[in-house]
Amino acid sequence: MTTTTVTPLRLDDLHASLADPLLDAMTFLNEVTERYPDALSFAPGRPHEGSFEPEDVHTYLDTYLAHLAERGLSGGAVRTALFQYGPTKGIVADLVARTLANDEGLDVAPEALVLTVGAQEGMLLVLRALCATPEDVLLVSSPCYVGVTGAARLLDLATVPVPEGPGGGPDPDAVHEAARAVRASGRRPRALYVVPDFANPSGTSMPVAARAGLLATAAEEGLLVIEDNPYGFFAREEGARPTLKALDGNRGRVVYLGSFAKTCFPGARLGYVVADQPVVAPDGRTTLLADELAKLKSMTTVNTPALSQAVIGGMLLRHDCRLRAANAPARTHYAANLAVLLRELERHFPAAERERLGVSWNEPAGGFFAVLEVPFTADGAAMERCARDHGVLWTPMAPFYPAGGGERRLRLSISALSGPRIEQGVTRLAAFIRSARDRAAAG
């Protein structure tokens, strides 16, 4: 019998991103979660499942099919729309445009939209299109969502962190400084990525005046702004803040990333990009940036699954293309959960105790996340001890800092839990923090 020896591939012969710890961060978290399935978890940033009903999927699909029939599509045309490869830019752009007008006051032409496989694909497409040479640099808020820094790493794009200001979001003066430093190094600061509302991971939001200031800074420095807005509906208090895209008007400074993962459900894996910037070719021909993104998409995912678009399209129709109103119960749930978290942290760590232990936290105005400062290194090993010995999980913050930092911070997500579970989780977490602090003090 002949045996065949398989020659292994060398990791250092593969793309360098595969050896980057950044790409290991979420894998490690998933593995720890599987090893401790009974641990109460503040780790996942997924939406609450209380309103998810499997039979609704059929309802939404039937609603969209009825919509196609009302538009006069024949049975054959409907079959083609659902079962065949579809237009690269998507089949529900008109419904998304109507929803953006109702919810955000954005006047968006359907042809300026690209429907994507989640917002993550949108990030990849936008970064690939905007950054043309190795000298192009992406500025990112710090701390920053690892999805965008990870996407930049896959594309070999350099990122430069811009620290959050005291009010939330990247500080305009720091944006000026970072852009000018990049330019002085012979490179081009191309774009700035920012989550203005209840950012992942910090939970911070930009005041309206700061948004206007950031747009002015971007214009002065020749930067495009990539605005990511998955959490904007989930303020603790009712009322909407204007998006950067809305504040920018028709100036074309902002490329807008949207997602239905939090406002509808993540299993559909549906996102979109609003890219209405004109693009002029050498021969004078003018297209939209959305058309150029579609070229890239055609060589990656080809098109976004029609069934996912149809289900979300039906969901939009069922709610009269008004997702903000449809998400009012979810907003109330997340606001109540965040209030419980902050109340329980205050109860377990009153002011004198906080000062003695070296514990502090922020108080986000909405969203899914809060950040806790602790008196020990909050790394993967600490998180695993916490899961094993105290039955609670959280997310280390260090991977969210592109240039280092955050070693004594951890992220707490309240989105997938109930109020009583949050109370129980903070009790367990407080016990762990005290034990970890004693362990650190003992050396």
Protein backbone atom coordinates (compact mmCIF):
# COMPACT_ATOMS: atom_id res chain seq x y z
CA MET A 1 0.00 0.00 0.00
CA THR A 2 1.38 3.36 -1.02
CA THR A 3 1.20 6.17 1.49
CA THR A 4 1.15 9.78 0.40
CA THR A 5 2.80 12.45 2.48
CA VAL A 6 1.03 15.76 2.36
CA THR A 7 3.39 18.68 2.24
CA PRO A 8 2.06 21.32 4.64
CA LEU A 9 1.74 24.91 3.61
CA ARG A 10 3.91 27.38 5.46
CA LEU A 11 2.00 30.14 7.21
CA ASP A 12 4.69 32.64 6.26
CA ASP A 13 4.05 31.78 2.59
CA LEU A 14 0.41 32.83 2.95
CA HIS A 15 -0.93 36.36 3.21
CA ALA A 16 0.55 38.15 6.20
CA SER A 17 -2.90 39.03 7.60
CA LEU A 18 -3.40 35.36 8.53
CA ALA A 19 -0.70 35.68 11.18
CA ASP A 20 -2.09 38.95 12.51
CA PRO A 21 -3.52 38.63 16.06
CA LEU A 22 -6.34 40.96 14.98
CA LEU A 23 -7.86 38.17 12.90
CA ASP A 24 -7.61 35.77 15.84
CA ALA A 25 -9.54 37.99 18.26
CA MET A 26 -13.08 37.00 17.30
CA THR A 27 -12.16 33.36 16.70
CA PHE A 28 -10.80 33.15 20.25
CA LEU A 29 -13.95 34.73 21.64
CA ASN A 30 -16.14 32.22 19.81
CA GLU A 31 -14.04 29.31 21.04
CA VAL A 32 -14.20 30.50 24.65
CA THR A 33 -17.96 30.89 24.36
CA GLU A 34 -18.24 27.30 23.14
CA ARG A 35 -16.03 26.03 25.96
CA TYR A 36 -18.19 27.76 28.57
CA PRO A 37 -21.72 27.49 27.17
CA ASP A 38 -23.29 27.99 30.60
CA ALA A 39 -21.45 31.25 31.26
CA LEU A 40 -23.57 34.38 31.21
CA SER A 41 -22.24 36.40 28.27
CA PHE A 42 -21.81 40.14 27.93
CA ALA A 43 -19.71 39.43 24.83
CA PRO A 44 -21.92 39.19 21.70
CA GLY A 45 -23.18 42.34 20.02
CA ARG A 46 -26.10 40.53 18.46
CA PRO A 47 -29.69 41.79 18.66
CA HIS A 48 -32.31 40.56 21.11
CA GLU A 49 -34.18 37.51 19.78
CA GLY A 50 -37.41 38.11 21.68
CA SER A 51 -39.28 39.41 18.64
CA PHE A 52 -37.95 36.85 16.12
CA GLU A 53 -40.60 34.43 14.88
CA PRO A 54 -39.74 31.84 12.17
CA GLU A 55 -43.17 32.12 10.55
CA ASP A 56 -42.55 35.83 9.92
CA VAL A 57 -40.00 34.89 7.24
CA HIS A 58 -42.82 33.40 5.15
CA THR A 59 -44.99 36.45 5.76
CA TYR A 60 -42.27 38.83 4.62
CA LEU A 61 -41.51 36.76 1.52
CA ASP A 62 -45.21 36.59 0.60
CA THR A 63 -45.46 40.35 1.08
CA TYR A 64 -42.60 40.95 -1.32
CA LEU A 65 -44.05 38.53 -3.88
CA ALA A 66 -47.35 40.40 -3.71
CA HIS A 67 -45.43 43.63 -4.22
CA LEU A 68 -43.86 42.24 -7.41
CA ALA A 69 -47.27 41.16 -8.67
CA GLU A 70 -48.67 44.63 -7.98
CA ARG A 71 -45.87 46.03 -10.10
CA GLY A 72 -47.11 43.90 -12.96
CA LEU A 73 -44.34 41.29 -13.08
CA SER A 74 -45.33 38.05 -14.76
CA GLY A 75 -44.87 34.67 -13.08
CA GLY A 76 -41.78 34.07 -15.19
CA ALA A 77 -40.31 37.42 -14.23
CA VAL A 78 -40.91 36.68 -10.55
CA ARG A 79 -39.19 33.32 -10.89
CA THR A 80 -36.22 35.00 -12.53
CA ALA A 81 -36.06 37.66 -9.81
CA LEU A 82 -35.99 35.11 -6.99
CA PHE A 83 -34.19 32.10 -8.40
CA GLN A 84 -31.62 33.51 -10.82
CA TYR A 85 -28.52 35.64 -10.51
CA GLY A 86 -29.77 39.18 -10.12
CA PRO A 87 -28.54 42.71 -10.73
CA THR A 88 -25.23 43.26 -8.97
CA LYS A 89 -26.50 46.40 -7.23
CA GLY A 90 -29.55 44.59 -5.88
CA ILE A 91 -33.32 44.31 -6.36
CA VAL A 92 -34.73 46.26 -3.37
CA ALA A 93 -32.86 49.55 -3.75
CA ASP A 94 -36.13 51.43 -4.28
CA LEU A 95 -37.50 50.18 -0.95
CA VAL A 96 -34.25 50.97 0.88
CA ALA A 97 -34.27 54.47 -0.60
CA ARG A 98 -37.84 55.01 0.62
CA THR A 99 -36.85 53.78 4.08
CA LEU A 100 -33.86 56.11 4.26
CA ALA A 101 -36.09 59.04 3.30
CA ASN A 102 -38.63 58.17 6.01
CA ASP A 103 -36.17 57.29 8.78
CA GLU A 104 -33.18 59.56 8.18
CA GLY A 105 -34.46 62.32 5.90
CA LEU A 106 -31.97 61.19 3.25
CA ASP A 107 -32.90 61.87 -0.37
CA VAL A 108 -31.15 58.96 -2.06
CA ALA A 109 -31.64 57.85 -5.65
CA PRO A 110 -32.01 54.04 -5.87
CA GLU A 111 -29.22 53.90 -8.44
CA ALA A 112 -26.82 55.33 -5.82
CA LEU A 113 -27.31 52.22 -3.66
CA VAL A 114 -25.48 48.89 -3.67
CA LEU A 115 -27.05 46.05 -1.68
CA THR A 116 -24.29 44.02 -0.04
CA VAL A 117 -23.76 40.78 1.87
CA GLY A 118 -23.85 42.54 5.21
CA ALA A 119 -22.21 45.87 5.92
CA GLN A 120 -18.88 44.02 6.10
CA GLU A 121 -18.85 43.49 2.35
CA GLY A 122 -19.70 47.15 1.92
CA MET A 123 -16.61 48.09 3.92
CA LEU A 124 -14.38 45.90 1.75
CA LEU A 125 -15.80 47.33 -1.47
CA VAL A 126 -15.51 50.94 -0.35
CA LEU A 127 -11.96 50.56 0.95
CA ARG A 128 -10.86 48.73 -2.20
CA ALA A 129 -12.36 51.41 -4.46
CA LEU A 130 -11.16 54.48 -2.57
CA CYS A 131 -7.61 53.42 -1.75
CA ALA A 132 -5.80 53.23 -5.07
CA THR A 133 -2.14 52.98 -4.11
CA PRO A 134 0.00 51.84 -1.15
CA GLU A 135 0.37 55.52 -0.27
CA ASP A 136 -3.35 55.88 0.47
CA VAL A 137 -4.14 55.78 4.19
CA LEU A 138 -7.39 55.17 6.07
CA LEU A 139 -7.92 57.17 9.25
CA VAL A 140 -10.00 55.35 11.87
CA SER A 141 -11.43 56.38 15.21
CA SER A 142 -9.69 54.75 18.14
CA PRO A 143 -10.97 52.52 19.63
CA CYS A 144 -12.38 51.18 16.38
CA TYR A 145 -14.62 48.35 15.19
CA VAL A 146 -12.33 45.46 14.26
CA GLY A 147 -14.33 44.71 11.12
CA VAL A 148 -12.98 47.76 9.33
CA THR A 149 -9.40 47.47 10.57
CA GLY A 150 -9.53 43.78 9.69
CA ALA A 151 -10.82 44.59 6.20
CA ALA A 152 -8.01 47.10 5.75
CA ARG A 153 -5.52 44.46 6.86
CA LEU A 154 -6.84 41.99 4.28
CA LEU A 155 -6.41 44.65 1.60
CA ASP A 156 -2.92 45.69 2.78
CA LEU A 157 -4.16 49.21 3.50
CA ALA A 158 -2.45 51.31 6.14
CA THR A 159 -4.60 52.67 8.96
CA VAL A 160 -3.85 55.57 11.27
CA PRO A 161 -5.85 55.83 14.51
CA VAL A 162 -7.49 59.08 15.61
CA PRO A 163 -8.39 59.12 19.33
CA GLU A 164 -11.96 59.78 20.39
CA GLY A 165 -12.54 63.24 21.79
CA PRO A 166 -14.04 63.91 25.21
CA GLY A 167 -17.51 64.33 23.70
CA GLY A 168 -17.38 61.14 21.64
CA GLY A 169 -16.20 60.33 18.14
CA PRO A 170 -12.88 61.31 16.57
CA ASP A 171 -11.64 64.68 17.79
CA PRO A 172 -11.56 67.18 14.85
CA ASP A 173 -8.21 68.60 15.96
CA ALA A 174 -6.79 65.08 16.12
CA VAL A 175 -8.14 64.44 12.60
CA HIS A 176 -6.30 67.54 11.38
CA GLU A 177 -3.13 66.42 13.08
CA ALA A 178 -3.32 62.85 11.78
CA ALA A 179 -4.09 63.92 8.20
CA ARG A 180 -1.21 66.39 8.14
CA ALA A 181 1.20 63.87 9.64
CA VAL A 182 0.24 61.34 6.96
CA ARG A 183 0.72 63.94 4.25
CA ALA A 184 4.08 64.96 5.69
CA SER A 185 5.20 61.33 5.42
CA GLY A 186 4.58 61.38 1.67
CA ARG A 187 1.32 59.48 1.80
CA ARG A 188 -2.29 60.53 1.13
CA PRO A 189 -4.93 60.58 3.88
CA ARG A 190 -7.80 59.22 1.81
CA ALA A 191 -10.78 58.64 4.09
CA LEU A 192 -11.95 58.60 7.69
CA TYR A 193 -14.08 55.75 9.08
CA VAL A 194 -16.45 56.69 11.89
CA VAL A 195 -19.53 55.36 13.73
CA PRO A 196 -21.22 58.54 15.00
CA ASP A 197 -23.99 56.84 17.00
CA PHE A 198 -23.30 54.47 19.92
CA ALA A 199 -20.10 53.15 18.41
CA ASN A 200 -18.83 49.61 18.70
CA PRO A 201 -16.92 49.11 20.96
CA SER A 202 -16.99 52.29 23.05
CA GLY A 203 -20.71 53.09 22.96
CA THR A 204 -19.94 56.80 22.48
CA SER A 205 -21.85 59.19 20.24
CA MET A 206 -20.96 62.46 18.56
CA PRO A 207 -22.89 65.59 19.52
CA VAL A 208 -24.49 67.39 16.57
CA ALA A 209 -22.04 70.30 16.74
CA ALA A 210 -19.14 67.88 16.66
CA ARG A 211 -20.59 66.22 13.56
CA ALA A 212 -20.66 69.52 11.73
CA GLY A 213 -17.10 70.20 12.89
CA LEU A 214 -15.93 66.81 11.67
CA LEU A 215 -17.42 67.40 8.22
CA ALA A 216 -15.71 70.79 8.04
CA THR A 217 -12.40 69.19 9.01
CA ALA A 218 -12.84 66.46 6.40
CA ALA A 219 -13.50 69.06 3.71
CA GLU A 220 -10.45 71.06 4.74
CA GLU A 221 -8.22 68.00 4.67
CA GLY A 222 -9.67 66.52 1.47
CA LEU A 223 -10.99 63.43 3.25
CA LEU A 224 -13.99 61.33 2.37
CA VAL A 225 -15.95 60.20 5.42
CA ILE A 226 -17.12 56.58 5.63
CA GLU A 227 -20.11 56.70 7.98
CA ASP A 228 -21.22 53.37 9.49
CA ASN A 229 -24.62 53.50 11.19
CA PRO A 230 -25.86 50.16 12.57
CA TYR A 231 -27.04 51.48 15.97
CA GLY A 232 -28.59 54.87 15.25
CA PHE A 233 -32.16 53.86 16.13
CA PHE A 234 -31.29 52.75 19.65
CA ALA A 235 -30.99 55.91 21.71
CA ARG A 236 -31.98 55.74 25.38
CA GLU A 237 -34.15 58.82 24.86
CA GLU A 238 -36.56 59.21 21.97
CA GLY A 239 -35.47 61.38 19.08
CA ALA A 240 -33.04 61.06 16.21
CA ARG A 241 -29.70 62.74 15.67
CA PRO A 242 -28.92 63.70 12.07
CA THR A 243 -26.53 61.40 10.26
CA LEU A 244 -23.33 62.81 8.84
CA LYS A 245 -24.75 61.98 5.40
CA ALA A 246 -27.82 64.10 6.08
CA LEU A 247 -25.72 66.99 7.42
CA ASP A 248 -23.46 66.81 4.38
CA GLY A 249 -26.37 67.42 2.02
CA ASN A 250 -25.37 67.16 -1.63
CA ARG A 251 -21.67 67.87 -1.12
CA GLY A 252 -20.65 64.24 -1.66
CA ARG A 253 -18.28 64.12 1.28
CA VAL A 254 -19.89 61.07 2.98
CA VAL A 255 -20.14 57.45 1.86
CA TYR A 256 -22.83 55.83 4.01
CA LEU A 257 -22.82 52.21 5.19
CA GLY A 258 -26.08 50.70 6.40
CA SER A 259 -27.09 47.33 7.76
CA PHE A 260 -30.32 45.47 8.45
CA ALA A 261 -28.61 43.18 10.96
CA LYS A 262 -29.70 45.14 14.02
CA THR A 263 -32.88 46.79 12.70
CA CYS A 264 -34.32 43.64 11.04
CA PHE A 265 -32.29 40.49 11.74
CA PRO A 266 -28.68 39.46 11.09
CA GLY A 267 -29.44 36.08 9.51
CA ALA A 268 -30.42 37.77 6.27
CA ARG A 269 -26.86 39.13 5.95
CA LEU A 270 -28.07 42.24 4.15
CA GLY A 271 -26.39 45.63 4.14
CA TYR A 272 -26.03 48.49 1.71
CA VAL A 273 -23.81 51.35 0.64
CA VAL A 274 -25.02 54.81 -0.36
CA ALA A 275 -22.35 55.97 -2.81
CA ASP A 276 -23.76 58.90 -4.78
CA GLN A 277 -20.43 60.57 -5.53
CA PRO A 278 -19.89 61.24 -9.27
CA VAL A 279 -16.86 59.53 -10.83
CA VAL A 280 -15.34 61.00 -13.99
CA ALA A 281 -13.39 58.70 -16.33
CA PRO A 282 -10.42 59.86 -18.42
CA ASP A 283 -12.68 60.02 -21.49
CA GLY A 284 -15.10 62.32 -19.67
CA ARG A 285 -17.73 59.65 -19.02
CA THR A 286 -19.45 60.10 -15.63
CA THR A 287 -20.76 57.34 -13.41
CA LEU A 288 -21.63 57.07 -9.73
CA LEU A 289 -19.29 55.57 -7.16
CA ALA A 290 -22.06 52.98 -6.63
CA ASP A 291 -21.53 51.81 -10.23
CA GLU A 292 -17.82 51.39 -9.60
CA LEU A 293 -18.47 49.47 -6.39
CA ALA A 294 -20.75 47.16 -8.37
CA LYS A 295 -17.84 46.28 -10.64
CA LEU A 296 -15.84 45.15 -7.63
CA LYS A 297 -18.80 43.27 -6.20
CA SER A 298 -19.29 41.40 -9.47
CA MET A 299 -15.84 39.87 -8.96
CA THR A 300 -16.36 38.95 -5.29
CA THR A 301 -19.90 37.84 -4.37
CA VAL A 302 -21.37 38.41 -7.89
CA ASN A 303 -24.65 39.58 -6.40
CA THR A 304 -26.42 39.65 -3.04
CA PRO A 305 -28.82 36.71 -2.52
CA ALA A 306 -32.22 37.57 -3.93
CA LEU A 307 -34.05 35.60 -1.23
CA SER A 308 -32.43 37.64 1.54
CA GLN A 309 -33.33 40.84 -0.28
CA ALA A 310 -36.90 39.64 -0.83
CA VAL A 311 -37.41 38.81 2.86
CA ILE A 312 -36.02 42.14 4.03
CA GLY A 313 -37.91 43.91 1.25
CA GLY A 314 -41.12 42.33 2.51
CA MET A 315 -40.26 43.38 6.05
CA LEU A 316 -39.78 46.97 4.88
CA LEU A 317 -43.12 46.89 3.07
CA ARG A 318 -44.91 45.44 6.11
CA HIS A 319 -43.69 48.42 8.11
CA ASP A 320 -44.44 51.01 5.42
CA CYS A 321 -40.69 51.51 4.92
CA ARG A 322 -40.41 53.00 8.42
CA LEU A 323 -37.94 50.93 10.41
CA ARG A 324 -37.39 53.52 13.11
CA ALA A 325 -41.01 53.19 14.23
CA ALA A 326 -40.88 49.39 13.83
CA ASN A 327 -37.84 49.27 16.11
CA ALA A 328 -39.45 51.28 18.92
CA PRO A 329 -39.96 48.16 21.11
CA ALA A 330 -36.34 47.12 20.54
CA ARG A 331 -35.16 50.63 21.42
CA THR A 332 -37.11 50.45 24.66
CA HIS A 333 -35.63 47.03 25.46
CA TYR A 334 -32.03 48.12 24.88
CA ALA A 335 -32.53 51.38 26.77
CA ALA A 336 -33.92 49.49 29.76
CA ASN A 337 -31.06 46.99 29.65
CA LEU A 338 -28.45 49.74 29.53
CA ALA A 339 -30.12 51.44 32.49
CA VAL A 340 -30.00 48.16 34.43
CA LEU A 341 -26.31 47.72 33.64
CA LEU A 342 -25.40 51.23 34.78
CA ARG A 343 -27.54 50.93 37.92
CA GLU A 344 -25.98 47.60 38.87
CA LEU A 345 -22.44 48.85 38.29
CA GLU A 346 -23.23 51.79 40.57
CA ARG A 347 -24.68 49.46 43.19
CA HIS A 348 -21.70 47.11 43.23
CA PHE A 349 -19.11 49.87 42.93
CA PRO A 350 -20.21 53.00 44.82
CA ALA A 351 -18.00 56.07 44.44
CA ALA A 352 -15.62 55.36 47.32
CA GLU A 353 -15.23 51.75 46.26
CA ARG A 354 -14.58 52.74 42.64
CA GLU A 355 -11.76 55.02 43.68
CA ARG A 356 -10.25 52.38 45.95
CA LEU A 357 -10.36 49.65 43.32
CA GLY A 358 -9.55 51.78 40.28
CA VAL A 359 -12.81 50.97 38.49
CA SER A 360 -14.75 53.31 36.19
CA TRP A 361 -17.12 53.15 33.23
CA ASN A 362 -18.75 55.35 30.66
CA GLU A 363 -22.49 56.03 30.42
CA PRO A 364 -23.54 55.72 26.77
CA ALA A 365 -26.65 57.52 25.56
CA GLY A 366 -27.83 54.39 23.77
CA GLY A 367 -26.78 51.39 21.74
CA PHE A 368 -25.51 48.00 22.82
CA PHE A 369 -22.18 48.66 24.54
CA ALA A 370 -20.48 50.17 27.56
CA VAL A 371 -16.79 50.13 28.50
CA LEU A 372 -15.44 49.28 31.94
CA GLU A 373 -11.99 50.31 33.16
CA VAL A 374 -10.49 47.73 35.54
CA PRO A 375 -7.36 47.49 37.74
CA PHE A 376 -5.81 44.52 35.89
CA THR A 377 -4.94 43.41 32.36
CA ALA A 378 -8.26 42.49 30.74
CA ASP A 379 -6.90 40.07 28.16
CA GLY A 380 -8.01 36.69 26.85
CA ALA A 381 -6.50 34.83 29.78
CA ALA A 382 -8.39 37.02 32.25
CA MET A 383 -11.61 36.56 30.32
CA GLU A 384 -11.17 32.79 30.37
CA ARG A 385 -10.56 32.81 34.15
CA CYS A 386 -13.67 34.89 34.56
CA ALA A 387 -15.72 32.42 32.49
CA ARG A 388 -14.30 29.39 34.30
CA ASP A 389 -14.39 30.64 37.87
CA HIS A 390 -17.26 33.13 37.85
CA GLY A 391 -19.44 32.08 34.92
CA VAL A 392 -19.46 35.36 33.00
CA LEU A 393 -17.95 36.45 29.68
CA TRP A 394 -17.02 39.86 28.26
CA THR A 395 -14.88 41.23 25.42
CA PRO A 396 -11.29 42.50 25.84
CA MET A 397 -10.90 46.01 24.45
CA ALA A 398 -7.24 45.87 23.37
CA PRO A 399 -7.97 44.46 19.87
CA PHE A 400 -10.08 47.55 19.15
CA TYR A 401 -7.06 49.88 19.51
CA PRO A 402 -5.10 49.82 16.20
CA ALA A 403 -1.95 51.36 17.69
CA GLY A 404 -2.13 49.67 21.08
CA GLY A 405 -3.93 50.57 24.28
CA GLY A 406 -7.08 49.50 26.06
CA GLU A 407 -5.30 46.72 27.97
CA ARG A 408 -7.25 47.51 31.16
CA ARG A 409 -10.62 47.95 29.50
CA LEU A 410 -13.38 45.52 28.70
CA ARG A 411 -16.56 45.84 26.66
CA LEU A 412 -19.96 44.87 28.04
CA SER A 413 -22.84 44.23 25.62
CA ILE A 414 -26.41 44.34 26.91
CA SER A 415 -28.28 43.62 23.69
CA ALA A 416 -28.87 39.87 23.92
CA LEU A 417 -29.71 39.67 27.65
CA SER A 418 -32.69 40.25 29.91
CA GLY A 419 -32.66 42.65 32.85
CA PRO A 420 -32.45 39.89 35.50
CA ARG A 421 -29.59 38.23 33.61
CA ILE A 422 -27.73 41.55 33.55
CA GLU A 423 -28.18 41.89 37.30
CA GLN A 424 -26.84 38.38 37.81
CA GLY A 425 -23.97 39.01 35.40
CA VAL A 426 -22.82 42.20 37.10
CA THR A 427 -22.84 40.41 40.46
CA ARG A 428 -20.56 37.72 39.05
CA LEU A 429 -18.40 40.26 37.27
CA ALA A 430 -17.96 42.36 40.40
CA ALA A 431 -16.72 39.30 42.28
CA PHE A 432 -14.25 38.56 39.51
CA ILE A 433 -12.96 42.14 39.38
CA ARG A 434 -12.21 42.11 43.09
CA SER A 435 -10.44 38.77 42.87
CA ALA A 436 -8.48 39.84 39.78
CA ARG A 437 -7.48 43.07 41.45
CA ASP A 438 -6.20 41.16 44.48
CA ARG A 439 -4.35 38.79 42.17
CA ALA A 440 -2.72 41.71 40.33
CA ALA A 441 -1.79 43.43 43.61
CA ALA A 442 -0.15 40.22 44.85
CA GLY A 443 2.03 40.16 41.76
